[in-house]
């Protein structure tokens, strides 16, 4: 399970706090939540302090989001390492959105 909650802020930028596991159907839910914010042109930060595990597809999504200007903060050491050691990701257009796929 993945809990996605918006941090309280008075500004225009949005911070989503993630808690749990970025796996299976929760990857699509995270993508949807991020797209809603990015489609409105709002700056987005993902706070990963409470992420326990992430599948490869989740890593690809986070790298693609980072390529789109999303900030990723408070990554646990193992998640930070995953984001460093993944094959280079090339964002490309699909259905009008940018996504990332391993080359």
PDB file of N, CA and C in Angstrom:
ATOM      1  N   UNK A   1       0.841  -1.178   0.000  1.00  0.00           N
ATOM      2  CA  UNK A   1       0.000   0.000   0.000  1.00  0.00           C
ATOM      3  C   UNK A   1       0.889   1.245   0.000  1.00  0.00           C
ATOM      4  N   UNK A   2       0.401   2.288  -0.641  1.00  0.00           N
ATOM      5  CA  UNK A   2       1.104   3.567  -0.685  1.00  0.00           C
ATOM      6  C   UNK A   2       0.133   4.658  -0.256  1.00  0.00           C
ATOM      7  N   UNK A   3       0.521   5.393   0.751  1.00  0.00           N
ATOM      8  CA  UNK A   3      -0.265   6.548   1.189  1.00  0.00           C
ATOM      9  C   UNK A   3       0.368   7.785   0.568  1.00  0.00           C
ATOM     10  N   UNK A   4      -0.470   8.593  -0.085  1.00  0.00           N
ATOM     11  CA  UNK A   4      -0.033   9.841  -0.705  1.00  0.00           C
ATOM     12  C   UNK A   4      -0.810  10.965  -0.035  1.00  0.00           C
ATOM     13  N   UNK A   5      -0.090  11.838   0.659  1.00  0.00           N
ATOM     14  CA  UNK A   5      -0.770  12.951   1.320  1.00  0.00           C
ATOM     15  C   UNK A   5      -0.065  14.255   0.967  1.00  0.00           C
ATOM     16  N   UNK A   6      -0.848  15.307   0.926  1.00  0.00           N
ATOM     17  CA  UNK A   6      -0.293  16.620   0.604  1.00  0.00           C
ATOM     18  C   UNK A   6       0.107  17.325   1.882  1.00  0.00           C
ATOM     19  N   UNK A   7       1.356  17.791   1.936  1.00  0.00           N
ATOM     20  CA  UNK A   7       1.836  18.533   3.095  1.00  0.00           C
ATOM     21  C   UNK A   7       1.135  19.887   3.138  1.00  0.00           C
ATOM     22  N   UNK A   8       0.872  20.347   4.319  1.00  0.00           N
ATOM     23  CA  UNK A   8       0.243  21.666   4.483  1.00  0.00           C
ATOM     24  C   UNK A   8       1.219  22.745   4.059  1.00  0.00           C
ATOM     25  N   UNK A   9       0.750  23.610   3.173  1.00  0.00           N
ATOM     26  CA  UNK A   9       1.567  24.751   2.770  1.00  0.00           C
ATOM     27  C   UNK A   9       0.644  25.864   2.337  1.00  0.00           C
ATOM     28  N   UNK A  10       1.095  27.057   2.516  1.00  0.00           N
ATOM     29  CA  UNK A  10       0.285  28.200   2.128  1.00  0.00           C
ATOM     30  C   UNK A  10       0.624  28.701   0.741  1.00  0.00           C
ATOM     31  N   UNK A  11       1.613  28.075   0.106  1.00  0.00           N
ATOM     32  CA  UNK A  11       2.089  28.575  -1.177  1.00  0.00           C
ATOM     33  C   UNK A  11       1.497  27.846  -2.362  1.00  0.00           C
ATOM     34  N   UNK A  12       2.012  28.180  -3.497  1.00  0.00           N
ATOM     35  CA  UNK A  12       1.565  27.639  -4.773  1.00  0.00           C
ATOM     36  C   UNK A  12       2.149  26.252  -5.028  1.00  0.00           C
ATOM     37  N   UNK A  13       3.362  26.020  -4.526  1.00  0.00           N
ATOM     38  CA  UNK A  13       4.037  24.738  -4.720  1.00  0.00           C
ATOM     39  C   UNK A  13       3.358  23.662  -3.889  1.00  0.00           C
ATOM     40  N   UNK A  14       3.452  22.413  -4.362  1.00  0.00           N
ATOM     41  CA  UNK A  14       2.829  21.278  -3.687  1.00  0.00           C
ATOM     42  C   UNK A  14       3.905  20.284  -3.282  1.00  0.00           C
ATOM     43  N   UNK A  15       3.799  19.774  -2.059  1.00  0.00           N
ATOM     44  CA  UNK A  15       4.655  18.687  -1.604  1.00  0.00           C
ATOM     45  C   UNK A  15       3.767  17.500  -1.290  1.00  0.00           C
ATOM     46  N   UNK A  16       4.058  16.372  -1.957  1.00  0.00           N
ATOM     47  CA  UNK A  16       3.365  15.131  -1.659  1.00  0.00           C
ATOM     48  C   UNK A  16       4.272  14.274  -0.798  1.00  0.00           C
ATOM     49  N   UNK A  17       3.742  13.809   0.322  1.00  0.00           N
ATOM     50  CA  UNK A  17       4.482  12.926   1.224  1.00  0.00           C
ATOM     51  C   UNK A  17       4.041  11.496   0.930  1.00  0.00           C
ATOM     52  N   UNK A  18       5.012  10.644   0.629  1.00  0.00           N
ATOM     53  CA  UNK A  18       4.721   9.256   0.298  1.00  0.00           C
ATOM     54  C   UNK A  18       5.093   8.376   1.476  1.00  0.00           C
ATOM     55  N   UNK A  19       4.235   7.382   1.733  1.00  0.00           N
ATOM     56  CA  UNK A  19       4.455   6.476   2.856  1.00  0.00           C
ATOM     57  C   UNK A  19       4.057   5.067   2.441  1.00  0.00           C
ATOM     58  N   UNK A  20       4.986   4.129   2.550  1.00  0.00           N
ATOM     59  CA  UNK A  20       4.684   2.738   2.220  1.00  0.00           C
ATOM     60  C   UNK A  20       5.545   2.229   1.086  1.00  0.00           C
ATOM     61  N   UNK A  21       4.887   1.531   0.146  1.00  0.00           N
ATOM     62  CA  UNK A  21       5.590   0.840  -0.926  1.00  0.00           C
ATOM     63  C   UNK A  21       5.130   1.354  -2.289  1.00  0.00           C
ATOM     64  N   UNK A  22       6.079   1.714  -3.136  1.00  0.00           N
ATOM     65  CA  UNK A  22       5.769   2.166  -4.498  1.00  0.00           C
ATOM     66  C   UNK A  22       5.872   0.939  -5.396  1.00  0.00           C
ATOM     67  N   UNK A  23       4.739   0.226  -5.491  1.00  0.00           N
ATOM     68  CA  UNK A  23       4.683  -1.030  -6.233  1.00  0.00           C
ATOM     69  C   UNK A  23       3.340  -1.162  -6.947  1.00  0.00           C
ATOM     70  N   UNK A  24       3.299  -2.061  -7.937  1.00  0.00           N
ATOM     71  CA  UNK A  24       2.065  -2.445  -8.605  1.00  0.00           C
ATOM     72  C   UNK A  24       1.138  -1.297  -8.940  1.00  0.00           C
ATOM     73  N   UNK A  25      -0.137  -1.426  -8.535  1.00  0.00           N
ATOM     74  CA  UNK A  25      -1.136  -0.413  -8.899  1.00  0.00           C
ATOM     75  C   UNK A  25      -0.881   0.947  -8.263  1.00  0.00           C
ATOM     76  N   UNK A  26      -0.069   1.003  -7.221  1.00  0.00           N
ATOM     77  CA  UNK A  26       0.202   2.277  -6.548  1.00  0.00           C
ATOM     78  C   UNK A  26       1.101   3.161  -7.398  1.00  0.00           C
ATOM     79  N   UNK A  27       1.849   2.568  -8.321  1.00  0.00           N
ATOM     80  CA  UNK A  27       2.687   3.362  -9.223  1.00  0.00           C
ATOM     81  C   UNK A  27       1.797   4.208 -10.131  1.00  0.00           C
ATOM     82  N   UNK A  28       0.749   3.586 -10.666  1.00  0.00           N
ATOM     83  CA  UNK A  28      -0.191   4.328 -11.521  1.00  0.00           C
ATOM     84  C   UNK A  28      -0.913   5.409 -10.723  1.00  0.00           C
ATOM     85  N   UNK A  29      -1.228   5.125  -9.481  1.00  0.00           N
ATOM     86  CA  UNK A  29      -1.898   6.115  -8.633  1.00  0.00           C
ATOM     87  C   UNK A  29      -0.978   7.297  -8.351  1.00  0.00           C
ATOM     88  N   UNK A  30       0.294   7.024  -8.096  1.00  0.00           N
ATOM     89  CA  UNK A  30       1.264   8.101  -7.889  1.00  0.00           C
ATOM     90  C   UNK A  30       1.418   8.925  -9.156  1.00  0.00           C
ATOM     91  N   UNK A  31       1.507   8.267 -10.313  1.00  0.00           N
ATOM     92  CA  UNK A  31       1.611   8.978 -11.590  1.00  0.00           C
ATOM     93  C   UNK A  31       0.410   9.901 -11.773  1.00  0.00           C
ATOM     94  N   UNK A  32      -0.786   9.392 -11.500  1.00  0.00           N
ATOM     95  CA  UNK A  32      -2.011  10.175 -11.661  1.00  0.00           C
ATOM     96  C   UNK A  32      -1.997  11.394 -10.733  1.00  0.00           C
ATOM     97  N   UNK A  33      -1.613  11.192  -9.482  1.00  0.00           N
ATOM     98  CA  UNK A  33      -1.580  12.298  -8.517  1.00  0.00           C
ATOM     99  C   UNK A  33      -0.589  13.381  -8.954  1.00  0.00           C
ATOM    100  N   UNK A  34       0.558  12.957  -9.448  1.00  0.00           N
ATOM    101  CA  UNK A  34       1.573  13.925  -9.906  1.00  0.00           C
ATOM    102  C   UNK A  34       1.107  14.657 -11.154  1.00  0.00           C
ATOM    103  N   UNK A  35       0.512  13.932 -12.093  1.00  0.00           N
ATOM    104  CA  UNK A  35       0.039  14.557 -13.331  1.00  0.00           C
ATOM    105  C   UNK A  35      -1.011  15.624 -13.051  1.00  0.00           C
ATOM    106  N   UNK A  36      -1.898  15.382 -12.087  1.00  0.00           N
ATOM    107  CA  UNK A  36      -2.918  16.379 -11.755  1.00  0.00           C
ATOM    108  C   UNK A  36      -2.273  17.701 -11.332  1.00  0.00           C
ATOM    109  N   UNK A  37      -1.212  17.609 -10.578  1.00  0.00           N
ATOM    110  CA  UNK A  37      -0.523  18.821 -10.100  1.00  0.00           C
ATOM    111  C   UNK A  37       0.280  19.461 -11.228  1.00  0.00           C
ATOM    112  N   UNK A  38       1.038  18.644 -11.953  1.00  0.00           N
ATOM    113  CA  UNK A  38       1.884  19.172 -13.028  1.00  0.00           C
ATOM    114  C   UNK A  38       1.056  19.758 -14.165  1.00  0.00           C
ATOM    115  N   UNK A  39      -0.111  19.184 -14.438  1.00  0.00           N
ATOM    116  CA  UNK A  39      -0.990  19.704 -15.492  1.00  0.00           C
ATOM    117  C   UNK A  39      -1.448  21.131 -15.196  1.00  0.00           C
ATOM    118  N   UNK A  40      -1.463  21.511 -13.918  1.00  0.00           N
ATOM    119  CA  UNK A  40      -1.841  22.873 -13.530  1.00  0.00           C
ATOM    120  C   UNK A  40      -0.630  23.793 -13.420  1.00  0.00           C
ATOM    121  N   UNK A  41       0.548  23.276 -13.808  1.00  0.00           N
ATOM    122  CA  UNK A  41       1.749  24.103 -13.823  1.00  0.00           C
ATOM    123  C   UNK A  41       2.320  24.413 -12.452  1.00  0.00           C
ATOM    124  N   UNK A  42       1.909  23.658 -11.444  1.00  0.00           N
ATOM    125  CA  UNK A  42       2.389  23.917 -10.083  1.00  0.00           C
ATOM    126  C   UNK A  42       3.690  23.160  -9.822  1.00  0.00           C
ATOM    127  N   UNK A  43       4.647  23.784  -9.141  1.00  0.00           N
ATOM    128  CA  UNK A  43       5.875  23.080  -8.765  1.00  0.00           C
ATOM    129  C   UNK A  43       5.544  21.941  -7.804  1.00  0.00           C
ATOM    130  N   UNK A  44       6.242  20.824  -7.968  1.00  0.00           N
ATOM    131  CA  UNK A  44       5.944  19.629  -7.172  1.00  0.00           C
ATOM    132  C   UNK A  44       7.210  19.092  -6.518  1.00  0.00           C
ATOM    133  N   UNK A  45       7.075  18.716  -5.253  1.00  0.00           N
ATOM    134  CA  UNK A  45       8.125  18.026  -4.510  1.00  0.00           C
ATOM    135  C   UNK A  45       7.552  16.726  -3.978  1.00  0.00           C
ATOM    136  N   UNK A  46       8.325  15.649  -4.097  1.00  0.00           N
ATOM    137  CA  UNK A  46       7.949  14.370  -3.510  1.00  0.00           C
ATOM    138  C   UNK A  46       8.851  14.113  -2.312  1.00  0.00           C
ATOM    139  N   UNK A  47       8.258  13.899  -1.160  1.00  0.00           N
ATOM    140  CA  UNK A  47       9.007  13.600   0.069  1.00  0.00           C
ATOM    141  C   UNK A  47       8.942  12.092   0.298  1.00  0.00           C
ATOM    142  N   UNK A  48      10.084  11.423   0.271  1.00  0.00           N
ATOM    143  CA  UNK A  48      10.138   9.958   0.303  1.00  0.00           C
ATOM    144  C   UNK A  48      10.593   9.387   1.641  1.00  0.00           C
ATOM    145  N   UNK A  49      10.637  10.164   2.687  1.00  0.00           N
ATOM    146  CA  UNK A  49      11.195   9.720   3.968  1.00  0.00           C
ATOM    147  C   UNK A  49      10.570   8.424   4.475  1.00  0.00           C
ATOM    148  N   UNK A  50       9.307   8.193   4.203  1.00  0.00           N
ATOM    149  CA  UNK A  50       8.614   7.027   4.746  1.00  0.00           C
ATOM    150  C   UNK A  50       8.336   5.939   3.710  1.00  0.00           C
ATOM    151  N   UNK A  51       9.074   5.965   2.608  1.00  0.00           N
ATOM    152  CA  UNK A  51       8.950   4.908   1.598  1.00  0.00           C
ATOM    153  C   UNK A  51       9.787   3.715   2.050  1.00  0.00           C
ATOM    154  N   UNK A  52       9.161   2.544   2.074  1.00  0.00           N
ATOM    155  CA  UNK A  52       9.815   1.314   2.545  1.00  0.00           C
ATOM    156  C   UNK A  52      10.456   0.517   1.416  1.00  0.00           C
ATOM    157  N   UNK A  53       9.859   0.582   0.233  1.00  0.00           N
ATOM    158  CA  UNK A  53      10.310  -0.250  -0.886  1.00  0.00           C
ATOM    159  C   UNK A  53       9.801   0.364  -2.183  1.00  0.00           C
ATOM    160  N   UNK A  54      10.536   0.108  -3.275  1.00  0.00           N
ATOM    161  CA  UNK A  54      10.109   0.627  -4.566  1.00  0.00           C
ATOM    162  C   UNK A  54      10.524  -0.352  -5.659  1.00  0.00           C
ATOM    163  N   UNK A  55       9.566  -0.739  -6.500  1.00  0.00           N
ATOM    164  CA  UNK A  55       9.856  -1.596  -7.653  1.00  0.00           C
ATOM    165  C   UNK A  55      10.566  -0.797  -8.732  1.00  0.00           C
ATOM    166  N   UNK A  56      11.163  -1.510  -9.679  1.00  0.00           N
ATOM    167  CA  UNK A  56      11.901  -0.863 -10.776  1.00  0.00           C
ATOM    168  C   UNK A  56      11.016   0.114 -11.544  1.00  0.00           C
ATOM    169  N   UNK A  57       9.763  -0.233 -11.778  1.00  0.00           N
ATOM    170  CA  UNK A  57       8.857   0.663 -12.501  1.00  0.00           C
ATOM    171  C   UNK A  57       8.640   1.967 -11.724  1.00  0.00           C
ATOM    172  N   UNK A  58       8.621   1.885 -10.414  1.00  0.00           N
ATOM    173  CA  UNK A  58       8.510   3.081  -9.579  1.00  0.00           C
ATOM    174  C   UNK A  58       9.743   3.951  -9.684  1.00  0.00           C
ATOM    175  N   UNK A  59      10.903   3.315  -9.755  1.00  0.00           N
ATOM    176  CA  UNK A  59      12.154   4.058  -9.922  1.00  0.00           C
ATOM    177  C   UNK A  59      12.131   4.810 -11.249  1.00  0.00           C
ATOM    178  N   UNK A  60      11.691   4.131 -12.295  1.00  0.00           N
ATOM    179  CA  UNK A  60      11.614   4.761 -13.623  1.00  0.00           C
ATOM    180  C   UNK A  60      10.668   5.960 -13.582  1.00  0.00           C
ATOM    181  N   UNK A  61       9.531   5.803 -12.906  1.00  0.00           N
ATOM    182  CA  UNK A  61       8.589   6.917 -12.790  1.00  0.00           C
ATOM    183  C   UNK A  61       9.233   8.101 -12.064  1.00  0.00           C
ATOM    184  N   UNK A  62       9.902   7.842 -10.953  1.00  0.00           N
ATOM    185  CA  UNK A  62      10.512   8.947 -10.204  1.00  0.00           C
ATOM    186  C   UNK A  62      11.586   9.655 -11.010  1.00  0.00           C
ATOM    187  N   UNK A  63      12.356   8.904 -11.756  1.00  0.00           N
ATOM    188  CA  UNK A  63      13.390   9.540 -12.589  1.00  0.00           C
ATOM    189  C   UNK A  63      12.743  10.371 -13.691  1.00  0.00           C
ATOM    190  N   UNK A  64      11.674   9.860 -14.288  1.00  0.00           N
ATOM    191  CA  UNK A  64      10.967  10.619 -15.325  1.00  0.00           C
ATOM    192  C   UNK A  64      10.380  11.907 -14.735  1.00  0.00           C
ATOM    193  N   UNK A  65       9.831  11.804 -13.535  1.00  0.00           N
ATOM    194  CA  UNK A  65       9.285  12.998 -12.882  1.00  0.00           C
ATOM    195  C   UNK A  65      10.392  13.994 -12.571  1.00  0.00           C
ATOM    196  N   UNK A  66      11.523  13.492 -12.114  1.00  0.00           N
ATOM    197  CA  UNK A  66      12.663  14.383 -11.834  1.00  0.00           C
ATOM    198  C   UNK A  66      13.103  15.096 -13.107  1.00  0.00           C
ATOM    199  N   UNK A  67      13.066  14.395 -14.253  1.00  0.00           N
ATOM    200  CA  UNK A  67      13.406  15.018 -15.546  1.00  0.00           C
ATOM    201  C   UNK A  67      12.433  16.134 -15.903  1.00  0.00           C
ATOM    202  N   UNK A  68      11.247  16.073 -15.353  1.00  0.00           N
ATOM    203  CA  UNK A  68      10.230  17.104 -15.605  1.00  0.00           C
ATOM    204  C   UNK A  68      10.283  18.221 -14.575  1.00  0.00           C
ATOM    205  N   UNK A  69      11.290  18.206 -13.700  1.00  0.00           N
ATOM    206  CA  UNK A  69      11.457  19.286 -12.746  1.00  0.00           C
ATOM    207  C   UNK A  69      10.906  19.019 -11.362  1.00  0.00           C
ATOM    208  N   UNK A  70      10.409  17.813 -11.112  1.00  0.00           N
ATOM    209  CA  UNK A  70       9.902  17.468  -9.788  1.00  0.00           C
ATOM    210  C   UNK A  70      11.087  17.263  -8.844  1.00  0.00           C
ATOM    211  N   UNK A  71      11.022  17.869  -7.671  1.00  0.00           N
ATOM    212  CA  UNK A  71      12.069  17.697  -6.658  1.00  0.00           C
ATOM    213  C   UNK A  71      11.759  16.448  -5.842  1.00  0.00           C
ATOM    214  N   UNK A  72      12.795  15.695  -5.528  1.00  0.00           N
ATOM    215  CA  UNK A  72      12.653  14.507  -4.699  1.00  0.00           C
ATOM    216  C   UNK A  72      13.505  14.734  -3.461  1.00  0.00           C
ATOM    217  N   UNK A  73      12.869  14.669  -2.280  1.00  0.00           N
ATOM    218  CA  UNK A  73      13.577  14.970  -1.046  1.00  0.00           C
ATOM    219  C   UNK A  73      13.437  13.836  -0.034  1.00  0.00           C
ATOM    220  N   UNK A  74      14.316  13.865   0.958  1.00  0.00           N
ATOM    221  CA  UNK A  74      14.265  12.979   2.120  1.00  0.00           C
ATOM    222  C   UNK A  74      14.219  11.498   1.757  1.00  0.00           C
ATOM    223  N   UNK A  75      14.937  11.117   0.719  1.00  0.00           N
ATOM    224  CA  UNK A  75      14.966   9.712   0.309  1.00  0.00           C
ATOM    225  C   UNK A  75      15.741   8.885   1.328  1.00  0.00           C
ATOM    226  N   UNK A  76      15.185   7.731   1.751  1.00  0.00           N
ATOM    227  CA  UNK A  76      15.979   6.816   2.562  1.00  0.00           C
ATOM    228  C   UNK A  76      17.206   6.382   1.752  1.00  0.00           C
ATOM    229  N   UNK A  77      18.283   5.989   2.413  1.00  0.00           N
ATOM    230  CA  UNK A  77      19.514   5.654   1.689  1.00  0.00           C
ATOM    231  C   UNK A  77      19.327   4.622   0.571  1.00  0.00           C
ATOM    232  N   UNK A  78      18.546   3.578   0.801  1.00  0.00           N
ATOM    233  CA  UNK A  78      18.385   2.562  -0.238  1.00  0.00           C
ATOM    234  C   UNK A  78      17.608   3.084  -1.438  1.00  0.00           C
ATOM    235  N   UNK A  79      16.671   3.989  -1.215  1.00  0.00           N
ATOM    236  CA  UNK A  79      15.926   4.595  -2.329  1.00  0.00           C
ATOM    237  C   UNK A  79      16.844   5.544  -3.090  1.00  0.00           C
ATOM    238  N   UNK A  80      17.606   6.349  -2.376  1.00  0.00           N
ATOM    239  CA  UNK A  80      18.549   7.268  -3.027  1.00  0.00           C
ATOM    240  C   UNK A  80      19.517   6.484  -3.898  1.00  0.00           C
ATOM    241  N   UNK A  81      19.959   5.337  -3.416  1.00  0.00           N
ATOM    242  CA  UNK A  81      20.883   4.504  -4.185  1.00  0.00           C
ATOM    243  C   UNK A  81      20.202   3.962  -5.444  1.00  0.00           C
ATOM    244  N   UNK A  82      18.949   3.541  -5.321  1.00  0.00           N
ATOM    245  CA  UNK A  82      18.207   3.062  -6.498  1.00  0.00           C
ATOM    246  C   UNK A  82      18.111   4.159  -7.554  1.00  0.00           C
ATOM    247  N   UNK A  83      17.875   5.371  -7.118  1.00  0.00           N
ATOM    248  CA  UNK A  83      17.736   6.472  -8.066  1.00  0.00           C
ATOM    249  C   UNK A  83      19.058   6.813  -8.736  1.00  0.00           C
ATOM    250  N   UNK A  84      20.182   6.423  -8.137  1.00  0.00           N
ATOM    251  CA  UNK A  84      21.501   6.660  -8.726  1.00  0.00           C
ATOM    252  C   UNK A  84      21.919   5.555  -9.681  1.00  0.00           C
ATOM    253  N   UNK A  85      21.537   4.320  -9.393  1.00  0.00           N
ATOM    254  CA  UNK A  85      22.080   3.171 -10.119  1.00  0.00           C
ATOM    255  C   UNK A  85      21.197   2.670 -11.239  1.00  0.00           C
ATOM    256  N   UNK A  86      20.099   3.327 -11.487  1.00  0.00           N
ATOM    257  CA  UNK A  86      19.187   2.909 -12.549  1.00  0.00           C
ATOM    258  C   UNK A  86      19.787   3.258 -13.900  1.00  0.00           C
ATOM    259  N   UNK A  87      19.535   2.420 -14.925  1.00  0.00           N
ATOM    260  CA  UNK A  87      19.997   2.790 -16.266  1.00  0.00           C
ATOM    261  C   UNK A  87      19.451   4.165 -16.641  1.00  0.00           C
ATOM    262  N   UNK A  88      20.178   4.833 -17.498  1.00  0.00           N
ATOM    263  CA  UNK A  88      19.752   6.168 -17.929  1.00  0.00           C
ATOM    264  C   UNK A  88      18.338   6.099 -18.479  1.00  0.00           C
ATOM    265  N   UNK A  89      17.527   7.057 -18.106  1.00  0.00           N
ATOM    266  CA  UNK A  89      16.131   7.093 -18.529  1.00  0.00           C
ATOM    267  C   UNK A  89      15.954   8.219 -19.527  1.00  0.00           C
ATOM    268  N   UNK A  90      15.260   7.926 -20.580  1.00  0.00           N
ATOM    269  CA  UNK A  90      15.005   8.928 -21.607  1.00  0.00           C
ATOM    270  C   UNK A  90      13.525   9.276 -21.599  1.00  0.00           C
ATOM    271  N   UNK A  91      13.167  10.512 -21.194  1.00  0.00           N
ATOM    272  CA  UNK A  91      11.764  10.899 -21.247  1.00  0.00           C
ATOM    273  C   UNK A  91      11.298  10.969 -22.695  1.00  0.00           C
ATOM    274  N   UNK A  92      10.082  10.556 -22.955  1.00  0.00           N
ATOM    275  CA  UNK A  92       9.540  10.689 -24.301  1.00  0.00           C
ATOM    276  C   UNK A  92       8.033  10.871 -24.219  1.00  0.00           C
ATOM    277  N   UNK A  93       7.473  11.434 -25.255  1.00  0.00           N
ATOM    278  CA  UNK A  93       6.045  11.723 -25.253  1.00  0.00           C
ATOM    279  C   UNK A  93       5.239  10.458 -25.476  1.00  0.00           C
ATOM    280  N   UNK A  94       4.178  10.309 -24.686  1.00  0.00           N
ATOM    281  CA  UNK A  94       3.223   9.219 -24.868  1.00  0.00           C
ATOM    282  C   UNK A  94       1.874   9.755 -24.408  1.00  0.00           C
ATOM    283  N   UNK A  95       0.910   9.756 -25.278  1.00  0.00           N
ATOM    284  CA  UNK A  95      -0.412  10.271 -24.950  1.00  0.00           C
ATOM    285  C   UNK A  95      -0.353  11.708 -24.434  1.00  0.00           C
ATOM    286  N   UNK A  96       0.567  12.495 -24.993  1.00  0.00           N
ATOM    287  CA  UNK A  96       0.664  13.887 -24.592  1.00  0.00           C
ATOM    288  C   UNK A  96       1.411  14.126 -23.298  1.00  0.00           C
ATOM    289  N   UNK A  97       1.905  13.075 -22.655  1.00  0.00           N
ATOM    290  CA  UNK A  97       2.628  13.207 -21.401  1.00  0.00           C
ATOM    291  C   UNK A  97       4.060  12.722 -21.597  1.00  0.00           C
ATOM    292  N   UNK A  98       4.974  13.226 -20.796  1.00  0.00           N
ATOM    293  CA  UNK A  98       6.335  12.724 -20.826  1.00  0.00           C
ATOM    294  C   UNK A  98       6.421  11.576 -19.829  1.00  0.00           C
ATOM    295  N   UNK A  99       7.052  10.516 -20.248  1.00  0.00           N
ATOM    296  CA  UNK A  99       7.276   9.372 -19.361  1.00  0.00           C
ATOM    297  C   UNK A  99       8.726   8.981 -19.464  1.00  0.00           C
ATOM    298  N   UNK A 100       9.154   8.049 -18.669  1.00  0.00           N
ATOM    299  CA  UNK A 100      10.518   7.566 -18.763  1.00  0.00           C
ATOM    300  C   UNK A 100      10.538   6.077 -19.009  1.00  0.00           C
ATOM    301  N   UNK A 101      11.429   5.649 -19.847  1.00  0.00           N
ATOM    302  CA  UNK A 101      11.626   4.236 -20.105  1.00  0.00           C
ATOM    303  C   UNK A 101      13.113   3.968 -20.138  1.00  0.00           C
ATOM    304  N   UNK A 102      13.536   2.829 -19.595  1.00  0.00           N
ATOM    305  CA  UNK A 102      14.960   2.503 -19.715  1.00  0.00           C
ATOM    306  C   UNK A 102      15.337   2.365 -21.184  1.00  0.00           C
ATOM    307  N   UNK A 103      16.539   2.786 -21.533  1.00  0.00           N
ATOM    308  CA  UNK A 103      16.999   2.628 -22.903  1.00  0.00           C
ATOM    309  C   UNK A 103      17.398   1.192 -23.138  1.00  0.00           C
TER     310      UNK A 103
END
